[in-house]
């Protein structure tokens, strides 16, 4: 009923609070669809994770910008949110509240997405990764591997692909 990538997103969102991984799994899912069939609801959910990642790191400008984008998208995707087992009104209220905290320069704090489908919660809780996490636990603000994940990841494949694309472009001139 739900895409596996979405369940993985929820497990990371509510388990280890690895928002970078939330972004990665949903972006891959979103990009796997043909361009004309890509659903914006995935972009909105990705941007929630990106905003929280920025907020937790103290990048308030990035957090505010991406939260505004998430709200703008998800406000128009309420039917899709319902179909994904989320309560759209409560979610949008949570996002607006979090945006106000960002604007007031408040410290990051974890929040939970309002899942109203018990079967979805059970799918997430039964996920193999949940053996390593505690469902709905707050972010571990001392975990450098999650806080600064973008700095610590292996980017060799990205760098190689960029070099390949540059070489390809230069050879076409």
N, C-alpha and C. Protein backbone atom coordinates (compact mmCIF):
# COMPACT_ATOMS: atom_id res chain seq x y z
N UNK A 1 0.82 -1.20 0.00
CA UNK A 1 0.00 0.00 0.00
C UNK A 1 0.87 1.26 0.00
N UNK A 2 1.94 1.26 0.78
CA UNK A 2 2.84 2.41 0.84
C UNK A 2 4.17 2.03 0.20
N UNK A 3 4.80 2.97 -0.51
CA UNK A 3 6.13 2.67 -1.07
C UNK A 3 7.14 2.39 0.04
N UNK A 4 8.03 1.45 -0.22
CA UNK A 4 9.05 1.10 0.78
C UNK A 4 9.91 2.30 1.14
N UNK A 5 10.20 3.15 0.16
CA UNK A 5 11.02 4.34 0.43
C UNK A 5 10.34 5.24 1.46
N UNK A 6 9.03 5.35 1.38
CA UNK A 6 8.28 6.17 2.33
C UNK A 6 8.36 5.57 3.74
N UNK A 7 8.22 4.26 3.83
CA UNK A 7 8.34 3.60 5.14
C UNK A 7 9.75 3.81 5.69
N UNK A 8 10.77 3.68 4.83
CA UNK A 8 12.14 3.92 5.27
C UNK A 8 12.31 5.36 5.76
N UNK A 9 11.71 6.31 5.04
CA UNK A 9 11.73 7.72 5.44
C UNK A 9 11.15 7.87 6.85
N UNK A 10 9.99 7.28 7.07
CA UNK A 10 9.33 7.40 8.38
C UNK A 10 10.15 6.74 9.48
N UNK A 11 10.77 5.60 9.17
CA UNK A 11 11.61 4.92 10.17
C UNK A 11 12.78 5.81 10.57
N UNK A 12 13.44 6.41 9.61
CA UNK A 12 14.55 7.30 9.94
C UNK A 12 14.05 8.59 10.61
N UNK A 13 12.93 9.11 10.16
CA UNK A 13 12.40 10.34 10.73
C UNK A 13 12.06 10.17 12.21
N UNK A 14 11.47 9.02 12.56
CA UNK A 14 11.02 8.79 13.93
C UNK A 14 11.91 7.85 14.73
N UNK A 15 12.94 7.30 14.08
CA UNK A 15 13.84 6.37 14.76
C UNK A 15 15.13 7.04 15.15
N UNK A 16 16.04 7.18 14.20
CA UNK A 16 17.34 7.79 14.52
C UNK A 16 17.40 9.27 14.18
N UNK A 17 16.33 9.81 13.60
CA UNK A 17 16.24 11.24 13.24
C UNK A 17 17.35 11.61 12.24
N UNK A 18 17.68 10.66 11.37
CA UNK A 18 18.68 10.91 10.33
C UNK A 18 17.97 11.55 9.14
N UNK A 19 17.82 12.86 9.21
CA UNK A 19 17.08 13.61 8.20
C UNK A 19 17.80 13.59 6.85
N UNK A 20 19.11 13.47 6.87
CA UNK A 20 19.85 13.36 5.61
C UNK A 20 19.43 12.08 4.90
N UNK A 21 19.33 10.99 5.64
CA UNK A 21 18.91 9.72 5.06
C UNK A 21 17.45 9.79 4.61
N UNK A 22 16.61 10.49 5.36
CA UNK A 22 15.21 10.70 4.94
C UNK A 22 15.19 11.33 3.55
N UNK A 23 16.00 12.37 3.38
CA UNK A 23 16.10 13.06 2.10
C UNK A 23 16.56 12.10 1.02
N UNK A 24 17.59 11.34 1.30
CA UNK A 24 18.17 10.43 0.30
C UNK A 24 17.17 9.39 -0.18
N UNK A 25 16.48 8.72 0.76
CA UNK A 25 15.60 7.63 0.35
C UNK A 25 14.38 8.14 -0.43
N UNK A 26 13.84 9.28 -0.02
CA UNK A 26 12.67 9.80 -0.76
C UNK A 26 13.07 10.44 -2.08
N UNK A 27 14.22 11.08 -2.12
CA UNK A 27 14.66 11.67 -3.38
C UNK A 27 14.88 10.57 -4.43
N UNK A 28 15.49 9.48 -4.02
CA UNK A 28 15.70 8.37 -4.95
C UNK A 28 14.36 7.83 -5.45
N UNK A 29 13.40 7.71 -4.55
CA UNK A 29 12.06 7.25 -4.94
C UNK A 29 11.41 8.24 -5.91
N UNK A 30 11.47 9.51 -5.60
CA UNK A 30 10.88 10.55 -6.43
C UNK A 30 11.51 10.56 -7.82
N UNK A 31 12.83 10.47 -7.87
CA UNK A 31 13.54 10.50 -9.16
C UNK A 31 13.34 9.23 -9.97
N UNK A 32 12.91 8.16 -9.33
CA UNK A 32 12.72 6.90 -10.06
C UNK A 32 11.49 6.94 -10.96
N UNK A 33 10.59 7.87 -10.70
CA UNK A 33 9.40 8.01 -11.55
C UNK A 33 9.75 8.82 -12.80
N UNK A 34 9.00 8.60 -13.86
CA UNK A 34 9.18 9.41 -15.06
C UNK A 34 8.90 10.87 -14.69
N UNK A 35 9.63 11.79 -15.32
CA UNK A 35 9.53 13.21 -14.94
C UNK A 35 8.10 13.72 -14.88
N UNK A 36 7.29 13.36 -15.85
CA UNK A 36 5.92 13.86 -15.89
C UNK A 36 5.00 13.20 -14.86
N UNK A 37 5.49 12.13 -14.20
CA UNK A 37 4.69 11.43 -13.20
C UNK A 37 5.22 11.64 -11.78
N UNK A 38 6.20 12.48 -11.62
CA UNK A 38 6.77 12.73 -10.29
C UNK A 38 5.77 13.51 -9.44
N UNK A 39 5.54 13.01 -8.24
CA UNK A 39 4.56 13.62 -7.34
C UNK A 39 5.23 14.61 -6.39
N UNK A 40 4.65 15.81 -6.31
CA UNK A 40 5.21 16.87 -5.48
C UNK A 40 5.15 16.57 -3.99
N UNK A 41 4.24 15.70 -3.58
CA UNK A 41 4.14 15.40 -2.16
C UNK A 41 5.49 14.89 -1.63
N UNK A 42 6.22 14.14 -2.47
CA UNK A 42 7.53 13.61 -2.05
C UNK A 42 8.51 14.76 -1.83
N UNK A 43 8.46 15.76 -2.70
CA UNK A 43 9.35 16.92 -2.56
C UNK A 43 9.05 17.64 -1.25
N UNK A 44 7.77 17.81 -0.94
CA UNK A 44 7.40 18.47 0.32
C UNK A 44 7.92 17.72 1.54
N UNK A 45 7.80 16.40 1.53
CA UNK A 45 8.30 15.60 2.65
C UNK A 45 9.83 15.65 2.72
N UNK A 46 10.46 15.64 1.57
CA UNK A 46 11.93 15.76 1.53
C UNK A 46 12.33 17.09 2.16
N UNK A 47 11.62 18.15 1.82
CA UNK A 47 11.99 19.47 2.32
C UNK A 47 11.77 19.62 3.82
N UNK A 48 10.81 18.89 4.37
CA UNK A 48 10.67 18.88 5.84
C UNK A 48 11.98 18.36 6.44
N UNK A 49 12.45 17.22 5.92
CA UNK A 49 13.67 16.62 6.44
C UNK A 49 14.87 17.54 6.26
N UNK A 50 14.97 18.18 5.12
CA UNK A 50 16.09 19.10 4.85
C UNK A 50 16.03 20.28 5.82
N UNK A 51 14.84 20.81 6.04
CA UNK A 51 14.69 21.93 6.97
C UNK A 51 15.14 21.54 8.38
N UNK A 52 14.71 20.38 8.83
CA UNK A 52 15.09 19.93 10.17
C UNK A 52 16.59 19.66 10.27
N UNK A 53 17.16 19.14 9.19
CA UNK A 53 18.61 18.92 9.16
C UNK A 53 19.34 20.26 9.33
N UNK A 54 18.91 21.26 8.57
CA UNK A 54 19.52 22.59 8.69
C UNK A 54 19.30 23.19 10.08
N UNK A 55 18.08 23.08 10.59
CA UNK A 55 17.79 23.68 11.90
C UNK A 55 18.65 23.06 12.98
N UNK A 56 18.75 21.75 12.98
CA UNK A 56 19.54 21.05 13.99
C UNK A 56 21.00 21.48 13.95
N UNK A 57 21.51 21.83 12.76
CA UNK A 57 22.90 22.27 12.59
C UNK A 57 23.07 23.77 12.84
N UNK A 58 21.96 24.49 13.08
CA UNK A 58 22.05 25.92 13.34
C UNK A 58 21.99 26.78 12.10
N UNK A 59 21.71 26.19 10.94
CA UNK A 59 21.57 26.94 9.70
C UNK A 59 20.12 27.41 9.60
N UNK A 60 19.82 28.51 10.28
CA UNK A 60 18.44 28.98 10.36
C UNK A 60 17.92 29.52 9.03
N UNK A 61 18.79 30.10 8.23
CA UNK A 61 18.36 30.62 6.93
C UNK A 61 17.92 29.45 6.04
N UNK A 62 18.73 28.41 5.96
CA UNK A 62 18.38 27.24 5.17
C UNK A 62 17.15 26.53 5.72
N UNK A 63 17.05 26.46 7.04
CA UNK A 63 15.90 25.82 7.69
C UNK A 63 14.60 26.57 7.36
N UNK A 64 14.65 27.88 7.46
CA UNK A 64 13.45 28.69 7.17
C UNK A 64 13.06 28.58 5.70
N UNK A 65 14.02 28.71 4.83
CA UNK A 65 13.75 28.66 3.39
C UNK A 65 13.11 27.32 2.99
N UNK A 66 13.68 26.22 3.44
CA UNK A 66 13.15 24.92 3.03
C UNK A 66 11.83 24.61 3.73
N UNK A 67 11.64 25.08 4.95
CA UNK A 67 10.35 24.85 5.62
C UNK A 67 9.25 25.64 4.90
N UNK A 68 9.54 26.85 4.47
CA UNK A 68 8.56 27.62 3.70
C UNK A 68 8.17 26.87 2.42
N UNK A 69 9.16 26.30 1.74
CA UNK A 69 8.89 25.54 0.51
C UNK A 69 8.04 24.30 0.82
N UNK A 70 8.38 23.61 1.90
CA UNK A 70 7.63 22.41 2.28
C UNK A 70 6.16 22.76 2.54
N UNK A 71 5.94 23.83 3.29
CA UNK A 71 4.57 24.25 3.61
C UNK A 71 3.82 24.61 2.34
N UNK A 72 4.45 25.37 1.46
CA UNK A 72 3.79 25.78 0.21
C UNK A 72 3.37 24.57 -0.63
N UNK A 73 4.25 23.58 -0.71
CA UNK A 73 3.93 22.38 -1.49
C UNK A 73 2.86 21.54 -0.80
N UNK A 74 3.06 21.26 0.48
CA UNK A 74 2.18 20.33 1.18
C UNK A 74 0.79 20.90 1.42
N UNK A 75 0.68 22.22 1.46
CA UNK A 75 -0.64 22.83 1.59
C UNK A 75 -1.52 22.45 0.39
N UNK A 76 -0.89 22.25 -0.76
CA UNK A 76 -1.62 21.89 -1.99
C UNK A 76 -1.70 20.37 -2.18
N UNK A 77 -1.09 19.61 -1.29
CA UNK A 77 -1.02 18.16 -1.43
C UNK A 77 -1.76 17.43 -0.31
N UNK A 78 -2.77 18.07 0.25
CA UNK A 78 -3.43 17.49 1.42
C UNK A 78 -4.09 16.14 1.15
N UNK A 79 -4.66 15.97 -0.03
CA UNK A 79 -5.26 14.67 -0.36
C UNK A 79 -4.18 13.60 -0.42
N UNK A 80 -3.04 13.93 -1.03
CA UNK A 80 -1.93 12.96 -1.08
C UNK A 80 -1.42 12.64 0.31
N UNK A 81 -1.35 13.65 1.17
CA UNK A 81 -0.90 13.41 2.55
C UNK A 81 -1.84 12.44 3.26
N UNK A 82 -3.14 12.64 3.07
CA UNK A 82 -4.13 11.72 3.67
C UNK A 82 -3.92 10.31 3.16
N UNK A 83 -3.67 10.19 1.85
CA UNK A 83 -3.44 8.87 1.25
C UNK A 83 -2.17 8.22 1.76
N UNK A 84 -1.27 9.02 2.30
CA UNK A 84 -0.03 8.50 2.88
C UNK A 84 -0.14 8.25 4.39
N UNK A 85 -1.37 8.28 4.90
CA UNK A 85 -1.59 7.96 6.31
C UNK A 85 -1.26 9.09 7.26
N UNK A 86 -1.15 10.31 6.74
CA UNK A 86 -0.84 11.46 7.58
C UNK A 86 -2.08 12.33 7.75
N UNK A 87 -2.15 13.05 8.86
CA UNK A 87 -3.22 14.02 9.09
C UNK A 87 -2.73 15.36 8.56
N UNK A 88 -3.23 15.80 7.40
CA UNK A 88 -2.71 17.01 6.75
C UNK A 88 -2.85 18.27 7.60
N UNK A 89 -4.01 18.47 8.24
CA UNK A 89 -4.22 19.69 9.02
C UNK A 89 -3.24 19.75 10.20
N UNK A 90 -3.07 18.65 10.88
CA UNK A 90 -2.14 18.62 12.02
C UNK A 90 -0.71 18.79 11.53
N UNK A 91 -0.36 18.16 10.41
CA UNK A 91 0.99 18.30 9.87
C UNK A 91 1.28 19.75 9.53
N UNK A 92 0.38 20.41 8.83
CA UNK A 92 0.61 21.81 8.45
C UNK A 92 0.70 22.71 9.68
N UNK A 93 -0.10 22.42 10.68
CA UNK A 93 -0.01 23.18 11.94
C UNK A 93 1.36 22.99 12.59
N UNK A 94 1.85 21.75 12.62
CA UNK A 94 3.18 21.46 13.17
C UNK A 94 4.28 22.20 12.39
N UNK A 95 4.15 22.20 11.07
CA UNK A 95 5.17 22.86 10.25
C UNK A 95 5.17 24.37 10.47
N UNK A 96 3.99 24.96 10.56
CA UNK A 96 3.90 26.39 10.84
C UNK A 96 4.47 26.72 12.23
N UNK A 97 4.19 25.88 13.20
CA UNK A 97 4.73 26.07 14.56
C UNK A 97 6.25 25.99 14.52
N UNK A 98 6.77 24.98 13.82
CA UNK A 98 8.23 24.83 13.75
C UNK A 98 8.86 26.00 13.00
N UNK A 99 8.20 26.48 11.98
CA UNK A 99 8.70 27.64 11.24
C UNK A 99 8.78 28.86 12.15
N UNK A 100 7.78 29.05 13.00
CA UNK A 100 7.82 30.18 13.95
C UNK A 100 9.01 30.04 14.90
N UNK A 101 9.29 28.82 15.34
CA UNK A 101 10.45 28.58 16.23
C UNK A 101 11.76 28.91 15.52
N UNK A 102 11.84 28.54 14.25
CA UNK A 102 13.04 28.85 13.47
C UNK A 102 13.21 30.36 13.38
N UNK A 103 12.12 31.06 13.05
CA UNK A 103 12.18 32.52 12.91
C UNK A 103 12.55 33.21 14.21
N UNK A 104 12.17 32.61 15.35
CA UNK A 104 12.52 33.16 16.66
C UNK A 104 13.92 32.75 17.10
N UNK A 105 14.62 32.00 16.22
CA UNK A 105 15.97 31.52 16.49
C UNK A 105 16.03 30.56 17.69
N UNK A 106 14.97 29.81 17.87
CA UNK A 106 14.93 28.81 18.94
C UNK A 106 15.79 27.61 18.54
N UNK A 107 16.29 26.91 19.53
CA UNK A 107 17.05 25.70 19.28
C UNK A 107 16.16 24.64 18.64
N UNK A 108 16.78 23.76 17.88
CA UNK A 108 16.08 22.65 17.26
C UNK A 108 15.46 21.76 18.32
N UNK A 109 14.29 21.24 18.01
CA UNK A 109 13.69 20.17 18.82
C UNK A 109 12.96 19.23 17.86
N UNK A 110 13.01 17.95 18.19
CA UNK A 110 12.37 16.93 17.36
C UNK A 110 10.86 17.05 17.45
N UNK A 111 10.20 16.69 16.35
CA UNK A 111 8.75 16.51 16.40
C UNK A 111 8.40 15.31 15.55
N UNK A 112 7.20 14.80 15.74
CA UNK A 112 6.76 13.59 15.05
C UNK A 112 5.70 13.94 14.02
N UNK A 113 5.78 13.28 12.89
CA UNK A 113 4.76 13.46 11.87
C UNK A 113 3.46 12.82 12.37
N UNK A 114 2.33 13.46 12.11
CA UNK A 114 1.06 12.94 12.62
C UNK A 114 0.52 11.78 11.75
N UNK A 115 1.00 10.59 12.05
CA UNK A 115 0.56 9.40 11.32
C UNK A 115 -0.75 8.94 11.95
N UNK A 116 -1.79 8.83 11.12
CA UNK A 116 -3.08 8.40 11.66
C UNK A 116 -3.50 7.02 11.17
N UNK A 117 -2.58 6.29 10.57
CA UNK A 117 -2.84 4.92 10.12
C UNK A 117 -2.05 3.97 11.02
N UNK A 118 -2.76 3.24 11.86
CA UNK A 118 -2.13 2.32 12.82
C UNK A 118 -1.32 1.25 12.10
N UNK A 119 -1.81 0.79 10.95
CA UNK A 119 -1.07 -0.22 10.19
C UNK A 119 0.27 0.33 9.71
N UNK A 120 0.29 1.59 9.32
CA UNK A 120 1.55 2.21 8.88
C UNK A 120 2.52 2.30 10.05
N UNK A 121 2.03 2.70 11.20
CA UNK A 121 2.89 2.76 12.39
C UNK A 121 3.46 1.38 12.68
N UNK A 122 2.63 0.35 12.60
CA UNK A 122 3.09 -1.02 12.86
C UNK A 122 4.11 -1.49 11.82
N UNK A 123 3.91 -1.10 10.55
CA UNK A 123 4.90 -1.42 9.52
C UNK A 123 6.25 -0.79 9.86
N UNK A 124 6.20 0.46 10.29
CA UNK A 124 7.45 1.17 10.64
C UNK A 124 8.10 0.54 11.86
N UNK A 125 7.32 0.27 12.88
CA UNK A 125 7.87 -0.32 14.11
C UNK A 125 8.44 -1.71 13.86
N UNK A 126 7.89 -2.43 12.88
CA UNK A 126 8.37 -3.77 12.56
C UNK A 126 9.51 -3.78 11.56
N UNK A 127 9.92 -2.63 11.10
CA UNK A 127 11.01 -2.52 10.13
C UNK A 127 12.31 -3.03 10.76
N UNK A 128 13.12 -3.77 10.00
CA UNK A 128 14.38 -4.30 10.57
C UNK A 128 15.28 -3.23 11.21
N UNK A 129 15.31 -2.03 10.65
CA UNK A 129 16.15 -0.97 11.24
C UNK A 129 15.70 -0.59 12.65
N UNK A 130 14.43 -0.81 12.96
CA UNK A 130 13.93 -0.41 14.27
C UNK A 130 14.55 -1.23 15.40
N UNK A 131 15.26 -2.29 15.06
CA UNK A 131 15.98 -3.04 16.09
C UNK A 131 17.14 -2.21 16.64
N UNK A 132 17.60 -1.22 15.83
CA UNK A 132 18.70 -0.36 16.22
C UNK A 132 18.22 0.96 16.83
N UNK A 133 16.95 1.31 16.64
CA UNK A 133 16.42 2.61 17.04
C UNK A 133 15.32 2.44 18.08
N UNK A 134 14.96 3.55 18.67
CA UNK A 134 13.79 3.60 19.54
C UNK A 134 12.78 4.51 18.87
N UNK A 135 11.61 3.98 18.56
CA UNK A 135 10.56 4.72 17.87
C UNK A 135 10.18 5.97 18.67
N UNK A 136 10.16 7.10 18.02
CA UNK A 136 9.77 8.41 18.55
C UNK A 136 10.77 8.99 19.55
N UNK A 137 11.99 8.45 19.57
CA UNK A 137 12.98 9.05 20.47
C UNK A 137 13.46 10.38 19.88
N UNK A 138 13.82 11.32 20.75
CA UNK A 138 14.31 12.61 20.24
C UNK A 138 15.69 12.46 19.60
N UNK A 139 16.06 13.46 18.86
CA UNK A 139 17.36 13.49 18.18
C UNK A 139 18.50 13.41 19.19
N UNK A 140 19.52 12.64 18.85
CA UNK A 140 20.74 12.60 19.65
C UNK A 140 21.62 13.74 19.17
N UNK A 141 21.62 14.84 19.89
CA UNK A 141 22.33 16.04 19.47
C UNK A 141 23.84 15.92 19.62
N UNK A 142 24.32 14.78 20.14
CA UNK A 142 25.76 14.54 20.26
C UNK A 142 26.28 13.64 19.15
N UNK A 143 25.39 13.13 18.32
CA UNK A 143 25.77 12.18 17.28
C UNK A 143 26.27 12.93 16.05
N UNK A 144 27.56 13.11 15.97
CA UNK A 144 28.21 13.86 14.88
C UNK A 144 27.92 13.23 13.51
N UNK A 145 27.80 11.91 13.47
CA UNK A 145 27.56 11.21 12.20
C UNK A 145 26.21 11.59 11.61
N UNK A 146 25.26 11.94 12.43
CA UNK A 146 23.94 12.36 11.94
C UNK A 146 23.87 13.88 11.80
N UNK A 147 24.45 14.59 12.71
CA UNK A 147 24.38 16.06 12.69
C UNK A 147 25.07 16.62 11.45
N UNK A 148 26.24 16.12 11.12
CA UNK A 148 27.02 16.64 9.99
C UNK A 148 27.21 15.58 8.90
N UNK A 149 26.17 14.86 8.62
CA UNK A 149 26.26 13.74 7.67
C UNK A 149 26.76 14.18 6.30
N UNK A 150 26.35 15.35 5.85
CA UNK A 150 26.76 15.80 4.51
C UNK A 150 28.26 16.00 4.40
N UNK A 151 28.91 16.31 5.51
CA UNK A 151 30.36 16.51 5.49
C UNK A 151 31.12 15.20 5.57
N UNK A 152 30.50 14.18 6.13
CA UNK A 152 31.19 12.93 6.43
C UNK A 152 30.97 11.84 5.39
N UNK A 153 30.08 12.05 4.44
CA UNK A 153 29.75 11.01 3.47
C UNK A 153 30.82 10.88 2.40
N UNK A 154 30.83 9.74 1.76
CA UNK A 154 31.73 9.48 0.65
C UNK A 154 31.11 10.09 -0.61
N UNK A 155 31.78 11.05 -1.20
CA UNK A 155 31.26 11.73 -2.38
C UNK A 155 32.02 11.36 -3.64
N UNK A 156 32.84 10.31 -3.60
CA UNK A 156 33.67 9.97 -4.75
C UNK A 156 32.85 9.66 -6.00
N UNK A 157 31.68 9.02 -5.83
CA UNK A 157 30.84 8.73 -7.00
C UNK A 157 30.25 10.00 -7.61
N UNK A 158 29.91 10.97 -6.77
CA UNK A 158 29.37 12.25 -7.25
C UNK A 158 30.45 13.02 -8.00
N UNK A 159 31.63 13.06 -7.44
CA UNK A 159 32.75 13.77 -8.06
C UNK A 159 33.11 13.12 -9.39
N UNK A 160 33.13 11.80 -9.43
CA UNK A 160 33.44 11.09 -10.68
C UNK A 160 32.37 11.37 -11.74
N UNK A 161 31.12 11.38 -11.36
CA UNK A 161 30.04 11.65 -12.31
C UNK A 161 30.12 13.08 -12.84
N UNK A 162 30.42 14.05 -11.98
CA UNK A 162 30.58 15.43 -12.44
C UNK A 162 31.73 15.57 -13.42
N UNK A 163 32.85 14.90 -13.15
CA UNK A 163 34.00 14.94 -14.05
C UNK A 163 33.64 14.31 -15.39
N UNK A 164 32.91 13.21 -15.34
CA UNK A 164 32.48 12.54 -16.57
C UNK A 164 31.58 13.45 -17.39
N UNK A 165 30.61 14.10 -16.75
CA UNK A 165 29.69 14.99 -17.46
C UNK A 165 30.43 16.20 -18.04
N UNK A 166 31.40 16.73 -17.33
CA UNK A 166 32.19 17.86 -17.82
C UNK A 166 32.99 17.43 -19.05
N UNK A 167 33.63 16.28 -18.96
CA UNK A 167 34.41 15.76 -20.08
C UNK A 167 33.50 15.52 -21.30
N UNK A 168 32.34 14.97 -21.07
CA UNK A 168 31.38 14.70 -22.13
C UNK A 168 30.94 16.02 -22.81
N UNK A 169 30.66 17.02 -21.99
CA UNK A 169 30.25 18.33 -22.52
C UNK A 169 31.37 18.97 -23.34
N UNK A 170 32.60 18.86 -22.84
CA UNK A 170 33.75 19.45 -23.55
C UNK A 170 34.01 18.74 -24.87
N UNK A 171 33.78 17.45 -24.92
CA UNK A 171 34.03 16.71 -26.16
C UNK A 171 32.95 16.98 -27.21
N UNK A 172 31.81 17.49 -26.80
CA UNK A 172 30.73 17.80 -27.72
C UNK A 172 30.87 19.19 -28.34
N UNK A 173 31.81 19.96 -27.86
CA UNK A 173 32.01 21.33 -28.39
C UNK A 173 32.73 21.33 -29.68
